[in-house]
Amino acid sequence: MKNNRHNCKLILEHDSLLKGVFRYNILTEQTDLVKPVWWERISPAFTDMDLNYIMLYLEETYGLTMDKVVQKSIVHQADRNKYHPVRNYLNSLQWDGQERIRYVLHHFLGAPVDELTYESMKMFLLGAIARAFRPGIKFEYMLCLVGGQGVGKSTFFRFMAVKDDWFTDDIGKLDSEKVYCQLRGHWMIEMSEMVATARSKSIEETKSFLSRQKETYRDSYAVYALDRPRQCVFGGTSNIKRFLPFDRTGNRRFVPVQTNRAEMEVHILENEKESRQYIDQVWAEAMMLYRNGNFKLAFSKETEAQLDKLRQEFMADDTEAGMIQAWLDEHEDRKVCSLMLFKEALDNPYIKPKKAETDRICEIMNTSIVGWKQGTMTRFKDYGTQRSWVCVNENCKRDAKDLKNENDWYPVTEEKARQMELPFR
């Protein structure tokens, strides 16, 4: 028999030992062996050792000896028989009609039984299903479980992934070029304590990372880089309640849920078989909602407003706003600028601020400070012409009612008038 792809293709299609063995796994982007073979194996992924066994069989049985021809034929045959294990699992489920999505976080983790918790969990489930059936679909939320150690937060995400192979908590650095290797083959990814220790810079990286819909990556020895649409969702865990850094632009991508060991109905590890069966039915219920199609992968305005209020409970204190407010409360001048606040209120007398730092001060003045409003461009001693903020607090030297028109004359005391006299001689 000639060593060509056509003959190898015929053998792979008709040989009783090799027919239907090779399938391309869309989740892992690898060739799998999905039927029993005559040698011992550990994982379904096709390996060099598998090729050795197959080459020996093909040489002894058919006289085929060209490794590259056989290997390319196997890849071709597998590609014609693609499958997605997560889709197969989800499509196999039959819901028993009992509502569980509303209660699953309370059942295993003692979370509140309320509409906001229900909407948060439902969004996470629908996002995960959508990513499995429509890789790369826009989904930016991360469900964040908050509570003490031992409650079962990480185990919850691992069980929600159904199979341990579909779960990982080993994601590494988000800015690494190899991060795609950690995402590939996983449906659910836990960011364990990553957010809890994040600073403002890294939290911005996390938000940007969550917003991506694909990774562009070139495999080793491949000629071209390929776009890899995301098939996974992310879950966060934190033992610290105030795990979110203060962010005036909002932490919209993070959906916090407070866990409570004292309120849980059962620990998720108490009976693993029953816990996994319960979770199967959670996914079955979610598939019913997904098939109905009456959903959006974004919260309503009302729910988002409730989440914004809830996020405040999990957000670190705004120390800079507190420092600026305290300084302004003791400051006698009725006008200030961002440079003055940076150097004097935040105690940076010898540092030139970056634009991001003055922008942050402007945002604090416009959103967080009581008793001051934005004014006009004003010339300041030592700081030049700057955008000003004007005191409208009755404790200022000038009454708030006199600030409606900054060009108006305003009354001064006799003592103040004497101080303002020019020293004519």
Protein backbone atom coordinates (compact mmCIF):
# COMPACT_ATOMS: atom_id res chain seq x y z
CA MET A 1 0.00 0.00 0.00
CA LYS A 2 1.32 3.43 -0.96
CA ASN A 3 2.31 5.86 1.81
CA ASN A 4 -0.12 8.66 0.99
CA ARG A 5 -2.86 10.59 2.78
CA HIS A 6 -5.66 9.06 0.75
CA ASN A 7 -4.83 5.53 1.86
CA CYS A 8 -4.28 6.66 5.43
CA LYS A 9 -7.66 8.40 5.37
CA LEU A 10 -9.38 5.22 4.19
CA ILE A 11 -7.75 3.21 6.99
CA LEU A 12 -8.80 5.71 9.69
CA GLU A 13 -12.36 5.67 8.37
CA HIS A 14 -12.77 1.90 8.04
CA ASP A 15 -10.30 0.06 10.28
CA SER A 16 -12.27 -1.49 13.15
CA LEU A 17 -9.68 -0.44 15.75
CA LEU A 18 -9.26 3.16 14.55
CA LYS A 19 -12.67 4.12 13.20
CA GLY A 20 -14.20 6.98 15.23
CA VAL A 21 -11.26 7.15 17.65
CA PHE A 22 -10.03 10.66 16.80
CA ARG A 23 -12.07 13.80 17.44
CA TYR A 24 -11.10 17.47 17.67
CA ASN A 25 -11.96 18.98 21.05
CA ILE A 26 -13.16 22.56 20.48
CA LEU A 27 -12.71 23.47 24.15
CA THR A 28 -9.08 22.34 24.45
CA GLU A 29 -8.23 22.86 20.76
CA GLN A 30 -6.56 19.46 20.74
CA THR A 31 -7.13 16.08 19.14
CA ASP A 32 -8.67 13.59 21.57
CA LEU A 33 -8.89 9.81 21.53
CA VAL A 34 -12.51 9.23 22.49
CA LYS A 35 -12.72 5.42 22.30
CA PRO A 36 -10.78 2.65 24.07
CA VAL A 37 -7.52 1.59 22.42
CA TRP A 38 -5.18 -1.35 23.01
CA TRP A 39 -2.65 0.54 25.14
CA GLU A 40 -2.94 2.23 28.52
CA ARG A 41 -3.66 5.95 28.51
CA ILE A 42 -4.14 8.66 31.18
CA SER A 43 -5.80 11.61 29.45
CA PRO A 44 -7.85 11.83 26.24
CA ALA A 45 -5.44 14.24 24.50
CA PHE A 46 -3.43 12.81 21.61
CA THR A 47 0.27 12.41 22.50
CA ASP A 48 3.55 11.40 20.88
CA MET A 49 3.31 8.01 22.59
CA ASP A 50 -0.12 7.47 21.01
CA LEU A 51 1.42 8.19 17.61
CA ASN A 52 4.13 5.61 18.27
CA TYR A 53 1.56 2.88 18.99
CA ILE A 54 -0.49 3.81 15.93
CA MET A 55 2.55 3.92 13.63
CA LEU A 56 3.63 0.47 14.79
CA TYR A 57 0.13 -0.88 14.12
CA LEU A 58 -0.11 0.76 10.67
CA GLU A 59 3.34 -0.47 9.65
CA GLU A 60 2.67 -4.06 10.76
CA THR A 61 -0.85 -4.18 9.31
CA TYR A 62 -0.72 -1.97 6.20
CA GLY A 63 2.94 -1.22 5.57
CA LEU A 64 2.56 2.53 6.19
CA THR A 65 5.79 4.04 7.51
CA MET A 66 5.62 7.83 7.05
CA ASP A 67 4.98 9.51 10.40
CA LYS A 68 4.12 12.96 9.00
CA VAL A 69 1.58 11.55 6.56
CA VAL A 70 -0.12 9.59 9.32
CA GLN A 71 -0.04 12.49 11.75
CA LYS A 72 -1.58 14.94 9.28
CA SER A 73 -4.23 12.39 8.34
CA ILE A 74 -5.17 11.94 11.99
CA VAL A 75 -5.47 15.73 12.44
CA HIS A 76 -7.66 15.92 9.33
CA GLN A 77 -9.86 13.05 10.45
CA ALA A 78 -10.26 14.58 13.92
CA ASP A 79 -11.19 17.97 12.46
CA ARG A 80 -14.02 16.35 10.51
CA ASN A 81 -15.40 15.01 13.80
CA LYS A 82 -15.35 18.04 16.09
CA TYR A 83 -17.06 18.02 19.46
CA HIS A 84 -17.41 20.34 22.43
CA PRO A 85 -17.60 18.49 25.77
CA VAL A 86 -19.27 21.36 27.66
CA ARG A 87 -21.97 21.74 25.00
CA ASN A 88 -22.56 18.00 25.03
CA TYR A 89 -22.93 18.07 28.82
CA LEU A 90 -25.33 21.02 28.82
CA ASN A 91 -27.46 19.58 26.02
CA SER A 92 -27.75 16.27 27.87
CA LEU A 93 -29.39 17.80 30.97
CA GLN A 94 -33.07 17.37 31.82
CA TRP A 95 -34.50 19.85 34.34
CA ASP A 96 -36.79 18.37 37.00
CA GLY A 97 -38.78 21.62 37.33
CA GLN A 98 -37.55 22.54 40.81
CA GLU A 99 -36.13 26.05 41.13
CA ARG A 100 -32.54 26.06 42.39
CA ILE A 101 -30.73 29.05 40.86
CA ARG A 102 -32.45 31.34 43.37
CA TYR A 103 -31.24 29.25 46.31
CA VAL A 104 -27.92 27.67 45.28
CA LEU A 105 -25.69 30.37 46.81
CA HIS A 106 -27.64 30.20 50.06
CA HIS A 107 -27.76 26.40 50.03
CA PHE A 108 -23.99 25.94 49.78
CA LEU A 109 -22.56 29.28 50.99
CA GLY A 110 -25.17 30.94 53.21
CA ALA A 111 -25.64 33.92 50.88
CA PRO A 112 -28.84 36.01 51.16
CA VAL A 113 -31.97 34.74 49.45
CA ASP A 114 -33.00 37.90 47.63
CA GLU A 115 -33.63 39.16 44.12
CA LEU A 116 -30.18 40.71 43.73
CA THR A 117 -28.37 37.48 44.63
CA TYR A 118 -30.65 35.59 42.25
CA GLU A 119 -29.96 38.01 39.38
CA SER A 120 -26.22 37.84 40.07
CA MET A 121 -26.14 34.04 39.98
CA LYS A 122 -28.41 33.84 36.95
CA MET A 123 -26.19 36.27 35.03
CA PHE A 124 -23.10 34.19 35.84
CA LEU A 125 -24.76 30.98 34.64
CA LEU A 126 -26.11 32.47 31.43
CA GLY A 127 -22.73 34.05 30.69
CA ALA A 128 -21.01 30.68 31.11
CA ILE A 129 -23.51 28.92 28.85
CA ALA A 130 -23.28 31.65 26.22
CA ARG A 131 -19.48 31.45 26.21
CA ALA A 132 -19.69 27.68 25.63
CA PHE A 133 -22.13 27.90 22.71
CA ARG A 134 -20.98 31.24 21.30
CA PRO A 135 -17.26 31.66 22.06
CA GLY A 136 -16.16 35.27 22.22
CA ILE A 137 -19.58 36.67 23.08
CA LYS A 138 -19.36 39.88 25.11
CA PHE A 139 -19.56 39.08 28.83
CA GLU A 140 -17.66 41.23 31.31
CA TYR A 141 -18.93 40.24 34.76
CA MET A 142 -17.06 38.31 37.43
CA LEU A 143 -19.05 36.77 40.28
CA CYS A 144 -17.06 37.45 43.47
CA LEU A 145 -17.67 35.30 46.55
CA VAL A 146 -16.63 37.00 49.78
CA GLY A 147 -16.28 35.37 53.20
CA GLY A 148 -14.04 33.57 55.64
CA GLN A 149 -11.81 30.61 54.93
CA GLY A 150 -13.34 27.16 54.87
CA VAL A 151 -16.79 28.19 53.69
CA GLY A 152 -16.22 26.46 50.33
CA LYS A 153 -15.93 29.37 47.90
CA SER A 154 -13.23 27.82 45.70
CA THR A 155 -14.85 24.40 45.81
CA PHE A 156 -18.12 25.98 44.70
CA PHE A 157 -16.52 27.29 41.51
CA ARG A 158 -14.73 23.98 40.94
CA PHE A 159 -17.98 22.03 41.23
CA MET A 160 -19.80 24.58 39.05
CA ALA A 161 -17.24 23.76 36.34
CA VAL A 162 -18.68 20.20 36.48
CA LYS A 163 -15.39 18.49 35.63
CA ASP A 164 -12.13 19.37 37.33
CA ASP A 165 -10.43 19.46 33.93
CA TRP A 166 -12.74 22.32 32.97
CA PHE A 167 -11.66 24.39 35.99
CA THR A 168 -8.44 26.15 36.95
CA ASP A 169 -7.27 28.62 39.56
CA ASP A 170 -3.77 28.83 38.10
CA ILE A 171 -4.06 31.79 35.78
CA GLY A 172 -0.80 33.58 36.57
CA LYS A 173 -0.12 37.16 35.49
CA LEU A 174 -2.84 38.79 33.44
CA ASP A 175 -0.37 40.69 31.27
CA SER A 176 1.63 37.59 30.37
CA GLU A 177 1.83 36.61 26.72
CA LYS A 178 1.20 33.04 27.81
CA VAL A 179 -2.06 33.76 29.64
CA TYR A 180 -4.01 32.14 26.80
CA CYS A 181 -2.34 28.82 27.60
CA GLN A 182 -3.95 29.01 31.05
CA LEU A 183 -7.39 29.82 29.62
CA ARG A 184 -7.41 27.16 26.91
CA GLY A 185 -9.37 24.07 27.80
CA HIS A 186 -11.09 25.62 30.82
CA TRP A 187 -14.69 26.71 31.15
CA MET A 188 -14.47 28.28 34.60
CA ILE A 189 -11.51 30.17 36.01
CA GLU A 190 -11.12 31.29 39.61
CA MET A 191 -9.17 34.41 40.48
CA SER A 192 -8.29 33.42 44.02
CA GLU A 193 -7.57 36.43 46.25
CA MET A 194 -6.22 38.22 43.17
CA VAL A 195 -8.62 41.12 43.45
CA ALA A 196 -8.26 41.34 47.22
CA THR A 197 -4.61 42.30 47.00
CA ALA A 198 -4.92 44.43 43.88
CA ARG A 199 -3.87 48.06 43.74
CA SER A 200 -5.51 50.63 41.52
CA LYS A 201 -3.12 49.88 38.64
CA SER A 202 -3.66 46.14 38.75
CA ILE A 203 -7.42 46.51 39.18
CA GLU A 204 -7.48 48.46 35.92
CA GLU A 205 -5.56 45.60 34.30
CA THR A 206 -8.10 43.15 35.73
CA LYS A 207 -11.04 45.16 34.37
CA SER A 208 -9.40 45.38 30.97
CA PHE A 209 -8.66 41.65 31.06
CA LEU A 210 -12.27 40.78 31.90
CA SER A 211 -13.50 42.91 28.99
CA ARG A 212 -11.60 40.96 26.35
CA GLN A 213 -13.55 38.70 24.06
CA LYS A 214 -10.57 36.92 22.51
CA GLU A 215 -6.84 36.30 22.76
CA THR A 216 -4.57 36.47 19.73
CA TYR A 217 -1.93 33.82 20.11
CA ARG A 218 0.48 31.78 17.99
CA ASP A 219 1.14 28.21 19.01
CA SER A 220 4.69 26.93 19.14
CA TYR A 221 5.92 26.01 15.66
CA ALA A 222 2.79 27.51 14.08
CA VAL A 223 3.27 29.93 11.20
CA TYR A 224 0.35 32.26 11.91
CA ALA A 225 -1.16 33.78 15.02
CA LEU A 226 -4.86 33.07 15.48
CA ASP A 227 -7.70 34.83 17.25
CA ARG A 228 -8.95 32.56 20.06
CA PRO A 229 -12.47 33.60 21.13
CA ARG A 230 -12.99 33.12 24.85
CA GLN A 231 -14.96 30.10 26.00
CA CYS A 232 -14.58 30.74 29.73
CA VAL A 233 -15.98 32.88 32.54
CA PHE A 234 -14.28 34.11 35.69
CA GLY A 235 -15.12 33.84 39.36
CA GLY A 236 -13.40 35.70 42.16
CA THR A 237 -12.93 34.76 45.81
CA SER A 238 -11.82 36.88 48.74
CA ASN A 239 -11.49 36.38 52.48
CA ILE A 240 -11.41 40.18 52.91
CA LYS A 241 -14.73 42.04 52.75
CA ARG A 242 -13.39 45.34 51.38
CA PHE A 243 -11.64 43.60 48.51
CA LEU A 244 -12.36 46.25 45.88
CA PRO A 245 -10.08 49.29 45.65
CA PHE A 246 -11.85 52.62 45.73
CA ASP A 247 -12.86 53.48 42.18
CA ARG A 248 -15.01 56.51 41.39
CA THR A 249 -15.58 55.27 37.85
CA GLY A 250 -17.20 52.18 39.34
CA ASN A 251 -16.35 48.52 39.71
CA ARG A 252 -19.12 47.47 37.35
CA ARG A 253 -17.49 44.23 36.26
CA PHE A 254 -17.33 42.85 39.80
CA VAL A 255 -20.51 41.29 41.23
CA PRO A 256 -19.99 40.68 44.96
CA VAL A 257 -21.91 38.14 47.03
CA GLN A 258 -21.41 37.89 50.80
CA THR A 259 -21.21 34.32 52.09
CA ASN A 260 -22.09 33.26 55.64
CA ARG A 261 -21.06 29.91 57.04
CA ALA A 262 -23.64 30.11 59.83
CA GLU A 263 -26.48 30.40 57.29
CA MET A 264 -25.52 27.67 54.80
CA GLU A 265 -27.79 24.64 54.58
CA VAL A 266 -25.00 22.19 53.79
CA HIS A 267 -21.26 22.38 53.27
CA ILE A 268 -20.53 21.67 49.64
CA LEU A 269 -18.01 18.94 50.54
CA GLU A 270 -20.26 17.16 53.03
CA ASN A 271 -21.58 14.90 50.29
CA GLU A 272 -19.81 15.52 47.00
CA LYS A 273 -22.10 13.28 44.95
CA GLU A 274 -25.26 15.04 46.16
CA SER A 275 -23.65 18.47 45.71
CA ARG A 276 -22.72 17.69 42.12
CA GLN A 277 -26.22 16.35 41.40
CA TYR A 278 -27.69 19.57 42.80
CA ILE A 279 -25.38 21.60 40.55
CA ASP A 280 -26.37 19.49 37.52
CA GLN A 281 -29.94 20.63 38.10
CA VAL A 282 -28.81 24.25 38.50
CA TRP A 283 -27.28 24.03 35.03
CA ALA A 284 -30.37 22.26 33.69
CA GLU A 285 -32.54 25.14 34.93
CA ALA A 286 -30.12 27.66 33.44
CA MET A 287 -30.26 25.85 30.09
CA MET A 288 -34.03 26.20 30.13
CA LEU A 289 -33.61 29.98 30.57
CA TYR A 290 -30.96 30.06 27.85
CA ARG A 291 -33.12 28.16 25.36
CA ASN A 292 -36.02 30.52 26.01
CA GLY A 293 -33.77 33.32 24.78
CA ASN A 294 -35.46 35.99 26.90
CA PHE A 295 -32.32 37.39 28.51
CA LYS A 296 -29.50 39.86 28.04
CA LEU A 297 -25.92 39.47 29.21
CA ALA A 298 -26.15 42.82 30.97
CA PHE A 299 -28.00 43.87 34.10
CA SER A 300 -31.01 46.15 33.93
CA LYS A 301 -30.57 49.76 35.07
CA GLU A 302 -32.45 48.99 38.27
CA THR A 303 -30.30 45.96 39.09
CA GLU A 304 -27.10 47.82 38.20
CA ALA A 305 -28.10 50.64 40.55
CA GLN A 306 -28.65 48.12 43.36
CA LEU A 307 -25.29 46.52 42.61
CA ASP A 308 -23.56 49.91 42.69
CA LYS A 309 -24.97 50.47 46.15
CA LEU A 310 -23.92 46.98 47.24
CA ARG A 311 -20.39 47.43 45.87
CA GLN A 312 -19.86 50.34 48.26
CA GLU A 313 -19.88 47.83 51.12
CA PHE A 314 -16.99 45.92 49.53
CA MET A 315 -14.94 48.95 48.49
CA ALA A 316 -11.88 50.28 50.33
CA ASP A 317 -12.12 53.72 51.92
CA ASP A 318 -11.27 56.76 49.80
CA THR A 319 -8.36 58.11 51.85
CA GLU A 320 -7.48 60.90 49.41
CA ALA A 321 -10.99 62.32 49.47
CA GLY A 322 -10.89 62.28 53.26
CA MET A 323 -7.55 64.12 53.35
CA ILE A 324 -8.77 66.76 50.89
CA GLN A 325 -12.06 67.30 52.73
CA ALA A 326 -10.27 67.68 56.08
CA TRP A 327 -7.81 70.19 54.60
CA LEU A 328 -10.58 72.22 52.95
CA ASP A 329 -12.57 72.34 56.18
CA GLU A 330 -9.63 74.14 57.81
CA HIS A 331 -8.64 76.21 54.77
CA GLU A 332 -9.57 79.91 54.84
CA ASP A 333 -9.27 80.85 51.16
CA ARG A 334 -12.48 80.54 49.22
CA LYS A 335 -10.81 79.29 46.03
CA VAL A 336 -8.51 76.35 45.41
CA CYS A 337 -7.06 74.51 42.40
CA SER A 338 -5.92 70.95 41.75
CA LEU A 339 -2.21 71.83 42.00
CA MET A 340 -2.77 73.47 45.38
CA LEU A 341 -4.65 70.42 46.63
CA PHE A 342 -1.99 68.02 45.36
CA LYS A 343 0.86 69.89 47.01
CA GLU A 344 -0.80 71.15 50.19
CA ALA A 345 -3.80 68.93 50.98
CA LEU A 346 -2.07 65.69 49.94
CA ASP A 347 1.31 66.86 51.24
CA ASN A 348 3.39 66.63 48.06
CA PRO A 349 5.29 69.94 48.24
CA TYR A 350 8.23 68.90 46.06
CA ILE A 351 6.57 66.61 43.52
CA LYS A 352 5.15 67.66 40.17
CA PRO A 353 1.84 65.82 39.69
CA LYS A 354 1.12 63.65 36.70
CA LYS A 355 -1.99 64.35 34.66
CA ALA A 356 -3.68 61.23 36.07
CA GLU A 357 -3.14 62.56 39.60
CA THR A 358 -4.65 65.97 38.89
CA ASP A 359 -7.50 64.29 37.02
CA ARG A 360 -8.17 62.18 40.11
CA ILE A 361 -8.21 65.30 42.30
CA CYS A 362 -10.65 66.98 39.92
CA GLU A 363 -12.90 63.94 40.09
CA ILE A 364 -12.77 63.97 43.90
CA MET A 365 -13.71 67.66 43.98
CA ASN A 366 -16.59 67.15 41.57
CA THR A 367 -18.03 63.99 43.13
CA SER A 368 -16.94 63.54 46.74
CA ILE A 369 -16.33 66.91 48.40
CA VAL A 370 -19.03 68.74 50.34
CA GLY A 371 -19.29 72.54 50.33
CA TRP A 372 -17.39 73.34 47.13
CA LYS A 373 -18.40 73.85 43.52
CA GLN A 374 -16.46 74.17 40.28
CA GLY A 375 -15.59 77.76 39.40
CA THR A 376 -13.93 79.63 36.56
CA MET A 377 -10.32 79.88 35.44
CA THR A 378 -8.49 81.83 38.14
CA ARG A 379 -4.94 83.03 38.65
CA PHE A 380 -3.33 81.59 41.78
CA LYS A 381 -0.15 82.73 43.46
CA ASP A 382 2.51 80.03 42.98
CA TYR A 383 0.25 77.96 40.68
CA GLY A 384 -0.60 80.24 37.76
CA THR A 385 -3.95 80.22 35.98
CA GLN A 386 -5.92 77.12 36.90
CA ARG A 387 -9.46 75.82 36.99
CA SER A 388 -10.82 76.72 40.42
CA TRP A 389 -13.25 75.34 42.95
CA VAL A 390 -15.18 77.82 45.05
CA CYS A 391 -16.35 77.40 48.62
CA VAL A 392 -20.12 77.48 49.08
CA ASN A 393 -19.91 76.54 52.75
CA GLU A 394 -21.02 79.03 55.38
CA ASN A 395 -17.74 78.49 57.21
CA CYS A 396 -15.83 80.16 54.37
CA LYS A 397 -14.72 83.77 54.73
CA ARG A 398 -17.36 84.69 52.15
CA ASP A 399 -21.02 83.70 52.52
CA ALA A 400 -22.41 81.16 50.08
CA LYS A 401 -25.11 83.61 48.95
CA ASP A 402 -22.42 85.99 47.70
CA LEU A 403 -20.89 83.37 45.41
CA LYS A 404 -23.67 83.27 42.83
CA ASN A 405 -21.85 85.87 40.75
CA GLU A 406 -18.13 85.93 41.32
CA ASN A 407 -17.82 89.32 39.58
CA ASP A 408 -20.15 91.07 42.03
CA TRP A 409 -18.89 93.42 44.73
CA TYR A 410 -19.27 92.09 48.21
CA PRO A 411 -19.27 93.82 51.61
CA VAL A 412 -16.17 93.84 53.83
CA THR A 413 -15.69 94.79 57.44
CA GLU A 414 -14.03 98.04 58.45
CA GLU A 415 -11.03 96.10 59.74
CA LYS A 416 -10.72 94.25 56.43
CA ALA A 417 -10.94 97.53 54.54
CA ARG A 418 -8.07 99.00 56.57
CA GLN A 419 -5.99 95.92 55.76
CA MET A 420 -6.68 96.42 52.04
CA GLU A 421 -5.61 100.10 51.96
CA LEU A 422 -2.75 100.96 49.63
CA PRO A 423 0.25 102.46 51.42
CA PHE A 424 0.16 105.93 49.78
CA ARG A 425 2.51 108.55 51.20
